[in-house]
Each structure stands twice: as C-alpha cells, then as structure tokens.
C-alpha cells in the first residue's frame, strides 16, 4: 500500500508542497521515506534521509541519566540564597 500525499485536487504533491508539509508528516509518525513523492524524487529523498540522520544524531546528545535529586536541591538552595542576599531591606529599616 502506497503512502502517497495528494493535494486537495487529487494531484500528487510537488517538491515545494511536500517540503511545506514535511514537519507535519514527521510529527505524525508517518514513514516519510516510503512516501511516493520521496521514492520518486531524489532531492526530497536526500532531504528526508538528512533530516532522519540529524534527528537520530540529536537523540544521542540527550543526557542518558537525569541529574540526582541532590543537584536540583542544590540549585534551589543557591537560588534561594541569591534571592535572600539581593532582596531589599524591610521597609522602614535602612542599612
């Protein structure tokens, strides 16, 4: 079964139309590389391959493990400490 994308008038998409819808197609989880336009168009096929490669490499950049809760506690403490040191003196009192 072909996964072809068509315009509203029933004609297959051209490159510009396909590329305009490409983000939506990727987000939908469709197998974009099997789209009839991609199979028949070397430019769009190369574009899809490049985007799939970039997406797969980007996943490798994500940290494998979340920081420990201690890290978040230390960040919150540092923020509180910084806020306490930078807050104005209570009204009516001068330093």
PDB file of N, CA and C in Angstrom:
ATOM      1  N   UNK A   1       0.839  -1.184   0.000  1.00  0.00           N
ATOM      2  CA  UNK A   1       0.000   0.000   0.000  1.00  0.00           C
ATOM      3  C   UNK A   1       0.881   1.243   0.000  1.00  0.00           C
ATOM      4  N   UNK A   2       0.636   2.169  -0.891  1.00  0.00           N
ATOM      5  CA  UNK A   2       1.421   3.380  -1.022  1.00  0.00           C
ATOM      6  C   UNK A   2       0.957   4.417  -0.008  1.00  0.00           C
ATOM      7  N   UNK A   3       1.905   5.197   0.479  1.00  0.00           N
ATOM      8  CA  UNK A   3       1.613   6.245   1.458  1.00  0.00           C
ATOM      9  C   UNK A   3       1.761   7.605   0.784  1.00  0.00           C
ATOM     10  N   UNK A   4       1.113   7.793  -0.370  1.00  0.00           N
ATOM     11  CA  UNK A   4       1.243   8.997  -1.174  1.00  0.00           C
ATOM     12  C   UNK A   4       0.454  10.145  -0.574  1.00  0.00           C
ATOM     13  N   UNK A   5       1.025  11.340  -0.632  1.00  0.00           N
ATOM     14  CA  UNK A   5       0.345  12.558  -0.200  1.00  0.00           C
ATOM     15  C   UNK A   5      -0.161  13.264  -1.444  1.00  0.00           C
ATOM     16  N   UNK A   6      -1.424  13.663  -1.406  1.00  0.00           N
ATOM     17  CA  UNK A   6      -2.033  14.330  -2.549  1.00  0.00           C
ATOM     18  C   UNK A   6      -2.537  15.701  -2.146  1.00  0.00           C
ATOM     19  N   UNK A   7      -2.589  16.592  -3.132  1.00  0.00           N
ATOM     20  CA  UNK A   7      -3.228  17.891  -2.941  1.00  0.00           C
ATOM     21  C   UNK A   7      -4.732  17.662  -2.864  1.00  0.00           C
ATOM     22  N   UNK A   8      -5.456  18.706  -2.540  1.00  0.00           N
ATOM     23  CA  UNK A   8      -6.905  18.588  -2.465  1.00  0.00           C
ATOM     24  C   UNK A   8      -7.527  18.265  -3.820  1.00  0.00           C
ATOM     25  N   UNK A   9      -6.867  18.651  -4.923  1.00  0.00           N
ATOM     26  CA  UNK A   9      -7.423  18.371  -6.245  1.00  0.00           C
ATOM     27  C   UNK A   9      -7.075  16.960  -6.742  1.00  0.00           C
ATOM     28  N   UNK A  10      -6.417  16.151  -5.907  1.00  0.00           N
ATOM     29  CA  UNK A  10      -6.115  14.771  -6.263  1.00  0.00           C
ATOM     30  C   UNK A  10      -4.795  14.568  -6.968  1.00  0.00           C
ATOM     31  N   UNK A  11      -4.061  15.655  -7.242  1.00  0.00           N
ATOM     32  CA  UNK A  11      -2.763  15.541  -7.898  1.00  0.00           C
ATOM     33  C   UNK A  11      -1.687  15.269  -6.845  1.00  0.00           C
ATOM     34  N   UNK A  12      -0.665  14.476  -7.207  1.00  0.00           N
ATOM     35  CA  UNK A  12       0.442  14.264  -6.259  1.00  0.00           C
ATOM     36  C   UNK A  12       1.134  15.593  -5.948  1.00  0.00           C
ATOM     37  N   UNK A  13       1.716  15.692  -4.772  1.00  0.00           N
ATOM     38  CA  UNK A  13       2.409  16.914  -4.369  1.00  0.00           C
ATOM     39  C   UNK A  13       3.683  17.110  -5.166  1.00  0.00           C
ATOM     40  N   UNK A  14       4.009  18.385  -5.413  1.00  0.00           N
ATOM     41  CA  UNK A  14       5.313  18.698  -5.978  1.00  0.00           C
ATOM     42  C   UNK A  14       6.284  18.892  -4.812  1.00  0.00           C
ATOM     43  N   UNK A  15       7.549  19.170  -5.109  1.00  0.00           N
ATOM     44  CA  UNK A  15       8.571  19.273  -4.059  1.00  0.00           C
ATOM     45  C   UNK A  15       8.248  20.360  -3.032  1.00  0.00           C
ATOM     46  N   UNK A  16       7.858  21.525  -3.507  1.00  0.00           N
ATOM     47  CA  UNK A  16       7.572  22.633  -2.591  1.00  0.00           C
ATOM     48  C   UNK A  16       6.418  22.280  -1.656  1.00  0.00           C
ATOM     49  N   UNK A  17       5.375  21.691  -2.188  1.00  0.00           N
ATOM     50  CA  UNK A  17       4.216  21.308  -1.367  1.00  0.00           C
ATOM     51  C   UNK A  17       4.605  20.215  -0.377  1.00  0.00           C
ATOM     52  N   UNK A  18       5.378  19.243  -0.842  1.00  0.00           N
ATOM     53  CA  UNK A  18       5.810  18.162   0.043  1.00  0.00           C
ATOM     54  C   UNK A  18       6.669  18.721   1.176  1.00  0.00           C
ATOM     55  N   UNK A  19       7.627  19.567   0.842  1.00  0.00           N
ATOM     56  CA  UNK A  19       8.526  20.116   1.856  1.00  0.00           C
ATOM     57  C   UNK A  19       7.808  21.033   2.826  1.00  0.00           C
ATOM     58  N   UNK A  20       6.771  21.698   2.371  1.00  0.00           N
ATOM     59  CA  UNK A  20       5.972  22.539   3.265  1.00  0.00           C
ATOM     60  C   UNK A  20       5.255  21.692   4.317  1.00  0.00           C
ATOM     61  N   UNK A  21       4.826  20.507   3.924  1.00  0.00           N
ATOM     62  CA  UNK A  21       4.105  19.616   4.847  1.00  0.00           C
ATOM     63  C   UNK A  21       5.030  18.676   5.614  1.00  0.00           C
ATOM     64  N   UNK A  22       6.321  18.701   5.312  1.00  0.00           N
ATOM     65  CA  UNK A  22       7.262  17.762   5.908  1.00  0.00           C
ATOM     66  C   UNK A  22       7.273  17.782   7.438  1.00  0.00           C
ATOM     67  N   UNK A  23       7.309  18.938   8.107  1.00  0.00           N
ATOM     68  CA  UNK A  23       7.286  18.908   9.576  1.00  0.00           C
ATOM     69  C   UNK A  23       6.044  18.191  10.120  1.00  0.00           C
ATOM     70  N   UNK A  24       4.902  18.465   9.526  1.00  0.00           N
ATOM     71  CA  UNK A  24       3.647  17.816   9.937  1.00  0.00           C
ATOM     72  C   UNK A  24       3.732  16.296   9.733  1.00  0.00           C
ATOM     73  N   UNK A  25       4.326  15.877   8.628  1.00  0.00           N
ATOM     74  CA  UNK A  25       4.454  14.450   8.338  1.00  0.00           C
ATOM     75  C   UNK A  25       5.365  13.763   9.345  1.00  0.00           C
ATOM     76  N   UNK A  26       6.491  14.396   9.680  1.00  0.00           N
ATOM     77  CA  UNK A  26       7.393  13.819  10.679  1.00  0.00           C
ATOM     78  C   UNK A  26       6.713  13.722  12.034  1.00  0.00           C
ATOM     79  N   UNK A  27       5.999  14.776  12.424  1.00  0.00           N
ATOM     80  CA  UNK A  27       5.312  14.781  13.717  1.00  0.00           C
ATOM     81  C   UNK A  27       4.228  13.716  13.799  1.00  0.00           C
ATOM     82  N   UNK A  28       3.625  13.376  12.663  1.00  0.00           N
ATOM     83  CA  UNK A  28       2.539  12.394  12.663  1.00  0.00           C
ATOM     84  C   UNK A  28       3.052  10.973  12.869  1.00  0.00           C
ATOM     85  N   UNK A  29       4.362  10.785  12.725  1.00  0.00           N
ATOM     86  CA  UNK A  29       4.926   9.450  12.873  1.00  0.00           C
ATOM     87  C   UNK A  29       4.843   8.623  11.600  1.00  0.00           C
ATOM     88  N   UNK A  30       4.424   9.238  10.507  1.00  0.00           N
ATOM     89  CA  UNK A  30       4.319   8.529   9.233  1.00  0.00           C
ATOM     90  C   UNK A  30       5.708   8.106   8.761  1.00  0.00           C
ATOM     91  N   UNK A  31       5.760   7.047   7.980  1.00  0.00           N
ATOM     92  CA  UNK A  31       7.012   6.597   7.387  1.00  0.00           C
ATOM     93  C   UNK A  31       7.270   7.455   6.151  1.00  0.00           C
ATOM     94  N   UNK A  32       7.850   8.615   6.365  1.00  0.00           N
ATOM     95  CA  UNK A  32       8.014   9.614   5.320  1.00  0.00           C
ATOM     96  C   UNK A  32       8.894   9.089   4.191  1.00  0.00           C
ATOM     97  N   UNK A  33       9.874   8.272   4.503  1.00  0.00           N
ATOM     98  CA  UNK A  33      10.783   7.782   3.467  1.00  0.00           C
ATOM     99  C   UNK A  33      10.093   6.856   2.469  1.00  0.00           C
ATOM    100  N   UNK A  34       8.902   6.353   2.805  1.00  0.00           N
ATOM    101  CA  UNK A  34       8.156   5.483   1.893  1.00  0.00           C
ATOM    102  C   UNK A  34       7.095   6.232   1.095  1.00  0.00           C
ATOM    103  N   UNK A  35       6.991   7.537   1.324  1.00  0.00           N
ATOM    104  CA  UNK A  35       6.027   8.339   0.565  1.00  0.00           C
ATOM    105  C   UNK A  35       6.366   8.250  -0.923  1.00  0.00           C
ATOM    106  N   UNK A  36       5.353   8.153  -1.760  1.00  0.00           N
ATOM    107  CA  UNK A  36       5.568   8.004  -3.206  1.00  0.00           C
ATOM    108  C   UNK A  36       6.386   9.152  -3.775  1.00  0.00           C
ATOM    109  N   UNK A  37       6.144  10.368  -3.297  1.00  0.00           N
ATOM    110  CA  UNK A  37       6.914  11.509  -3.787  1.00  0.00           C
ATOM    111  C   UNK A  37       8.392  11.337  -3.443  1.00  0.00           C
ATOM    112  N   UNK A  38       8.678  10.919  -2.231  1.00  0.00           N
ATOM    113  CA  UNK A  38      10.063  10.739  -1.798  1.00  0.00           C
ATOM    114  C   UNK A  38      10.739   9.631  -2.605  1.00  0.00           C
ATOM    115  N   UNK A  39      10.019   8.540  -2.820  1.00  0.00           N
ATOM    116  CA  UNK A  39      10.569   7.418  -3.575  1.00  0.00           C
ATOM    117  C   UNK A  39      10.926   7.853  -4.999  1.00  0.00           C
ATOM    118  N   UNK A  40      10.132   8.746  -5.581  1.00  0.00           N
ATOM    119  CA  UNK A  40      10.355   9.164  -6.957  1.00  0.00           C
ATOM    120  C   UNK A  40      11.153  10.436  -7.126  1.00  0.00           C
ATOM    121  N   UNK A  41      11.521  11.096  -6.037  1.00  0.00           N
ATOM    122  CA  UNK A  41      12.211  12.391  -6.135  1.00  0.00           C
ATOM    123  C   UNK A  41      13.530  12.319  -5.371  1.00  0.00           C
ATOM    124  N   UNK A  42      14.630  12.354  -6.084  1.00  0.00           N
ATOM    125  CA  UNK A  42      15.950  12.240  -5.440  1.00  0.00           C
ATOM    126  C   UNK A  42      16.225  13.399  -4.488  1.00  0.00           C
ATOM    127  N   UNK A  43      15.796  14.622  -4.839  1.00  0.00           N
ATOM    128  CA  UNK A  43      16.034  15.772  -3.960  1.00  0.00           C
ATOM    129  C   UNK A  43      15.315  15.620  -2.626  1.00  0.00           C
ATOM    130  N   UNK A  44      14.038  15.277  -2.671  1.00  0.00           N
ATOM    131  CA  UNK A  44      13.270  15.126  -1.435  1.00  0.00           C
ATOM    132  C   UNK A  44      13.720  13.879  -0.669  1.00  0.00           C
ATOM    133  N   UNK A  45      14.122  12.845  -1.398  1.00  0.00           N
ATOM    134  CA  UNK A  45      14.635  11.637  -0.755  1.00  0.00           C
ATOM    135  C   UNK A  45      15.902  11.958   0.028  1.00  0.00           C
ATOM    136  N   UNK A  46      16.801  12.729  -0.561  1.00  0.00           N
ATOM    137  CA  UNK A  46      18.034  13.122   0.123  1.00  0.00           C
ATOM    138  C   UNK A  46      17.716  14.000   1.332  1.00  0.00           C
ATOM    139  N   UNK A  47      16.754  14.901   1.179  1.00  0.00           N
ATOM    140  CA  UNK A  47      16.351  15.770   2.283  1.00  0.00           C
ATOM    141  C   UNK A  47      15.815  14.948   3.451  1.00  0.00           C
ATOM    142  N   UNK A  48      14.936  14.003   3.164  1.00  0.00           N
ATOM    143  CA  UNK A  48      14.356  13.161   4.221  1.00  0.00           C
ATOM    144  C   UNK A  48      15.450  12.336   4.896  1.00  0.00           C
ATOM    145  N   UNK A  49      16.388  11.767   4.108  1.00  0.00           N
ATOM    146  CA  UNK A  49      17.490  10.993   4.699  1.00  0.00           C
ATOM    147  C   UNK A  49      18.320  11.873   5.632  1.00  0.00           C
ATOM    148  N   UNK A  50      18.616  13.092   5.175  1.00  0.00           N
ATOM    149  CA  UNK A  50      19.403  14.011   6.003  1.00  0.00           C
ATOM    150  C   UNK A  50      18.667  14.358   7.294  1.00  0.00           C
ATOM    151  N   UNK A  51      17.384  14.653   7.194  1.00  0.00           N
ATOM    152  CA  UNK A  51      16.604  15.008   8.386  1.00  0.00           C
ATOM    153  C   UNK A  51      16.499  13.834   9.359  1.00  0.00           C
ATOM    154  N   UNK A  52      16.314  12.624   8.830  1.00  0.00           N
ATOM    155  CA  UNK A  52      16.259  11.446   9.688  1.00  0.00           C
ATOM    156  C   UNK A  52      17.602  11.215  10.380  1.00  0.00           C
ATOM    157  N   UNK A  53      18.701  11.448   9.662  1.00  0.00           N
ATOM    158  CA  UNK A  53      20.037  11.303  10.249  1.00  0.00           C
ATOM    159  C   UNK A  53      20.245  12.337  11.354  1.00  0.00           C
ATOM    160  N   UNK A  54      19.882  13.584  11.080  1.00  0.00           N
ATOM    161  CA  UNK A  54      20.030  14.646  12.080  1.00  0.00           C
ATOM    162  C   UNK A  54      19.209  14.320  13.325  1.00  0.00           C
ATOM    163  N   UNK A  55      17.978  13.855  13.128  1.00  0.00           N
ATOM    164  CA  UNK A  55      17.125  13.513  14.264  1.00  0.00           C
ATOM    165  C   UNK A  55      17.731  12.374  15.080  1.00  0.00           C
ATOM    166  N   UNK A  56      18.277  11.367  14.412  1.00  0.00           N
ATOM    167  CA  UNK A  56      18.865  10.239  15.143  1.00  0.00           C
ATOM    168  C   UNK A  56      20.112  10.680  15.901  1.00  0.00           C
ATOM    169  N   UNK A  57      20.915  11.568  15.315  1.00  0.00           N
ATOM    170  CA  UNK A  57      22.113  12.056  15.995  1.00  0.00           C
ATOM    171  C   UNK A  57      21.755  12.984  17.153  1.00  0.00           C
ATOM    172  N   UNK A  58      20.697  13.762  17.003  1.00  0.00           N
ATOM    173  CA  UNK A  58      20.274  14.669  18.068  1.00  0.00           C
ATOM    174  C   UNK A  58      19.860  13.889  19.311  1.00  0.00           C
ATOM    175  N   UNK A  59      19.268  12.722  19.116  1.00  0.00           N
ATOM    176  CA  UNK A  59      18.874  11.899  20.260  1.00  0.00           C
ATOM    177  C   UNK A  59      20.087  11.481  21.079  1.00  0.00           C
ATOM    178  N   UNK A  60      21.238  11.346  20.443  1.00  0.00           N
ATOM    179  CA  UNK A  60      22.454  10.955  21.147  1.00  0.00           C
ATOM    180  C   UNK A  60      22.988  12.081  22.027  1.00  0.00           C
ATOM    181  N   UNK A  61      22.557  13.308  21.775  1.00  0.00           N
ATOM    182  CA  UNK A  61      23.016  14.448  22.557  1.00  0.00           C
ATOM    183  C   UNK A  61      22.298  14.569  23.899  1.00  0.00           C
ATOM    184  N   UNK A  62      21.158  13.917  24.012  1.00  0.00           N
ATOM    185  CA  UNK A  62      20.394  13.992  25.252  1.00  0.00           C
ATOM    186  C   UNK A  62      21.113  13.247  26.361  1.00  0.00           C
ATOM    187  N   UNK A  63      21.060  13.747  27.578  1.00  0.00           N
ATOM    188  CA  UNK A  63      21.708  13.026  28.675  1.00  0.00           C
ATOM    189  C   UNK A  63      21.050  11.660  28.878  1.00  0.00           C
ATOM    190  N   UNK A  64      21.867  10.693  29.177  1.00  0.00           N
ATOM    191  CA  UNK A  64      21.356   9.346  29.379  1.00  0.00           C
ATOM    192  C   UNK A  64      20.630   9.243  30.712  1.00  0.00           C
ATOM    193  N   UNK A  65      21.148   9.954  31.714  1.00  0.00           N
ATOM    194  CA  UNK A  65      20.553   9.897  33.053  1.00  0.00           C
ATOM    195  C   UNK A  65      20.178  11.299  33.506  1.00  0.00           C
ATOM    196  N   UNK A  66      19.077  11.395  34.211  1.00  0.00           N
ATOM    197  CA  UNK A  66      18.705  12.666  34.812  1.00  0.00           C
ATOM    198  C   UNK A  66      19.629  12.924  35.995  1.00  0.00           C
ATOM    199  N   UNK A  67      19.886  14.193  36.284  1.00  0.00           N
ATOM    200  CA  UNK A  67      20.703  14.500  37.461  1.00  0.00           C
ATOM    201  C   UNK A  67      20.017  13.996  38.730  1.00  0.00           C
ATOM    202  N   UNK A  68      20.804  13.732  39.741  1.00  0.00           N
ATOM    203  CA  UNK A  68      20.240  13.242  41.003  1.00  0.00           C
ATOM    204  C   UNK A  68      19.414  14.345  41.651  1.00  0.00           C
ATOM    205  N   UNK A  69      18.497  13.977  42.531  1.00  0.00           N
ATOM    206  CA  UNK A  69      17.698  14.985  43.243  1.00  0.00           C
ATOM    207  C   UNK A  69      18.565  15.982  44.013  1.00  0.00           C
ATOM    208  N   UNK A  70      19.743  15.564  44.431  1.00  0.00           N
ATOM    209  CA  UNK A  70      20.650  16.457  45.156  1.00  0.00           C
ATOM    210  C   UNK A  70      21.037  17.654  44.291  1.00  0.00           C
ATOM    211  N   UNK A  71      21.239  17.421  43.013  1.00  0.00           N
ATOM    212  CA  UNK A  71      21.582  18.524  42.105  1.00  0.00           C
ATOM    213  C   UNK A  71      20.467  19.558  42.105  1.00  0.00           C
ATOM    214  N   UNK A  72      19.227  19.103  41.979  1.00  0.00           N
ATOM    215  CA  UNK A  72      18.091  20.040  41.965  1.00  0.00           C
ATOM    216  C   UNK A  72      17.954  20.751  43.311  1.00  0.00           C
ATOM    217  N   UNK A  73      18.196  20.034  44.413  1.00  0.00           N
ATOM    218  CA  UNK A  73      18.139  20.662  45.736  1.00  0.00           C
ATOM    219  C   UNK A  73      19.195  21.760  45.859  1.00  0.00           C
ATOM    220  N   UNK A  74      20.399  21.473  45.361  1.00  0.00           N
ATOM    221  CA  UNK A  74      21.473  22.470  45.419  1.00  0.00           C
ATOM    222  C   UNK A  74      21.138  23.691  44.570  1.00  0.00           C
ATOM    223  N   UNK A  75      20.537  23.486  43.428  1.00  0.00           N
ATOM    224  CA  UNK A  75      20.141  24.604  42.569  1.00  0.00           C
ATOM    225  C   UNK A  75      19.101  25.462  43.274  1.00  0.00           C
ATOM    226  N   UNK A  76      18.089  24.806  43.867  1.00  0.00           N
ATOM    227  CA  UNK A  76      17.055  25.562  44.581  1.00  0.00           C
ATOM    228  C   UNK A  76      17.656  26.331  45.758  1.00  0.00           C
ATOM    229  N   UNK A  77      18.566  25.717  46.498  1.00  0.00           N
ATOM    230  CA  UNK A  77      19.206  26.396  47.628  1.00  0.00           C
ATOM    231  C   UNK A  77      20.001  27.600  47.153  1.00  0.00           C
ATOM    232  N   UNK A  78      20.724  27.444  46.065  1.00  0.00           N
ATOM    233  CA  UNK A  78      21.513  28.555  45.534  1.00  0.00           C
ATOM    234  C   UNK A  78      20.608  29.701  45.092  1.00  0.00           C
ATOM    235  N   UNK A  79      19.483  29.374  44.475  1.00  0.00           N
ATOM    236  CA  UNK A  79      18.542  30.414  44.041  1.00  0.00           C
ATOM    237  C   UNK A  79      17.968  31.132  45.251  1.00  0.00           C
ATOM    238  N   UNK A  80      17.558  30.351  46.264  1.00  0.00           N
ATOM    239  CA  UNK A  80      17.006  30.969  47.478  1.00  0.00           C
ATOM    240  C   UNK A  80      18.045  31.865  48.143  1.00  0.00           C
ATOM    241  N   UNK A  81      19.270  31.386  48.243  1.00  0.00           N
ATOM    242  CA  UNK A  81      20.340  32.147  48.875  1.00  0.00           C
ATOM    243  C   UNK A  81      20.596  33.434  48.105  1.00  0.00           C
ATOM    244  N   UNK A  82      20.636  33.349  46.791  1.00  0.00           N
ATOM    245  CA  UNK A  82      20.865  34.524  45.957  1.00  0.00           C
ATOM    246  C   UNK A  82      19.718  35.519  46.112  1.00  0.00           C
ATOM    247  N   UNK A  83      18.489  35.018  46.164  1.00  0.00           N
ATOM    248  CA  UNK A  83      17.322  35.879  46.323  1.00  0.00           C
ATOM    249  C   UNK A  83      17.354  36.565  47.684  1.00  0.00           C
ATOM    250  N   UNK A  84      17.731  35.821  48.729  1.00  0.00           N
ATOM    251  CA  UNK A  84      17.790  36.399  50.074  1.00  0.00           C
ATOM    252  C   UNK A  84      18.840  37.508  50.152  1.00  0.00           C
ATOM    253  N   UNK A  85      19.985  37.326  49.510  1.00  0.00           N
ATOM    254  CA  UNK A  85      21.052  38.325  49.545  1.00  0.00           C
ATOM    255  C   UNK A  85      20.737  39.560  48.705  1.00  0.00           C
ATOM    256  N   UNK A  86      19.915  39.395  47.692  1.00  0.00           N
ATOM    257  CA  UNK A  86      19.613  40.511  46.801  1.00  0.00           C
ATOM    258  C   UNK A  86      18.289  41.189  47.099  1.00  0.00           C
ATOM    259  N   UNK A  87      17.544  40.716  48.084  1.00  0.00           N
ATOM    260  CA  UNK A  87      16.253  41.322  48.383  1.00  0.00           C
ATOM    261  C   UNK A  87      16.470  42.622  49.157  1.00  0.00           C
ATOM    262  N   UNK A  88      15.606  43.612  48.925  1.00  0.00           N
ATOM    263  CA  UNK A  88      15.766  44.887  49.634  1.00  0.00           C
ATOM    264  C   UNK A  88      15.474  44.732  51.117  1.00  0.00           C
ATOM    265  N   UNK A  89      16.036  45.647  51.915  1.00  0.00           N
ATOM    266  CA  UNK A  89      15.802  45.625  53.348  1.00  0.00           C
ATOM    267  C   UNK A  89      14.315  45.864  53.610  1.00  0.00           C
ATOM    268  N   UNK A  90      13.781  45.300  54.697  1.00  0.00           N
ATOM    269  CA  UNK A  90      12.354  45.530  55.000  1.00  0.00           C
ATOM    270  C   UNK A  90      12.080  47.020  55.107  1.00  0.00           C
ATOM    271  N   UNK A  91      10.855  47.411  54.756  1.00  0.00           N
ATOM    272  CA  UNK A  91      10.508  48.832  54.741  1.00  0.00           C
ATOM    273  C   UNK A  91      10.654  49.434  56.137  1.00  0.00           C
ATOM    274  N   UNK A  92      11.132  50.673  56.188  1.00  0.00           N
ATOM    275  CA  UNK A  92      11.295  51.376  57.450  1.00  0.00           C
ATOM    276  C   UNK A  92      12.683  51.165  58.039  1.00  0.00           C
ATOM    277  N   UNK A  93      13.439  50.212  57.534  1.00  0.00           N
ATOM    278  CA  UNK A  93      14.784  49.984  58.058  1.00  0.00           C
ATOM    279  C   UNK A  93      15.795  50.325  56.985  1.00  0.00           C
ATOM    280  N   UNK A  94      16.824  50.977  57.361  1.00  0.00           N
ATOM    281  CA  UNK A  94      17.879  51.299  56.419  1.00  0.00           C
ATOM    282  C   UNK A  94      19.173  50.685  56.902  1.00  0.00           C
ATOM    283  N   UNK A  95      19.989  50.313  55.935  1.00  0.00           N
ATOM    284  CA  UNK A  95      21.268  49.699  56.303  1.00  0.00           C
ATOM    285  C   UNK A  95      22.313  50.746  56.525  1.00  0.00           C
TER     286      UNK A  95
END
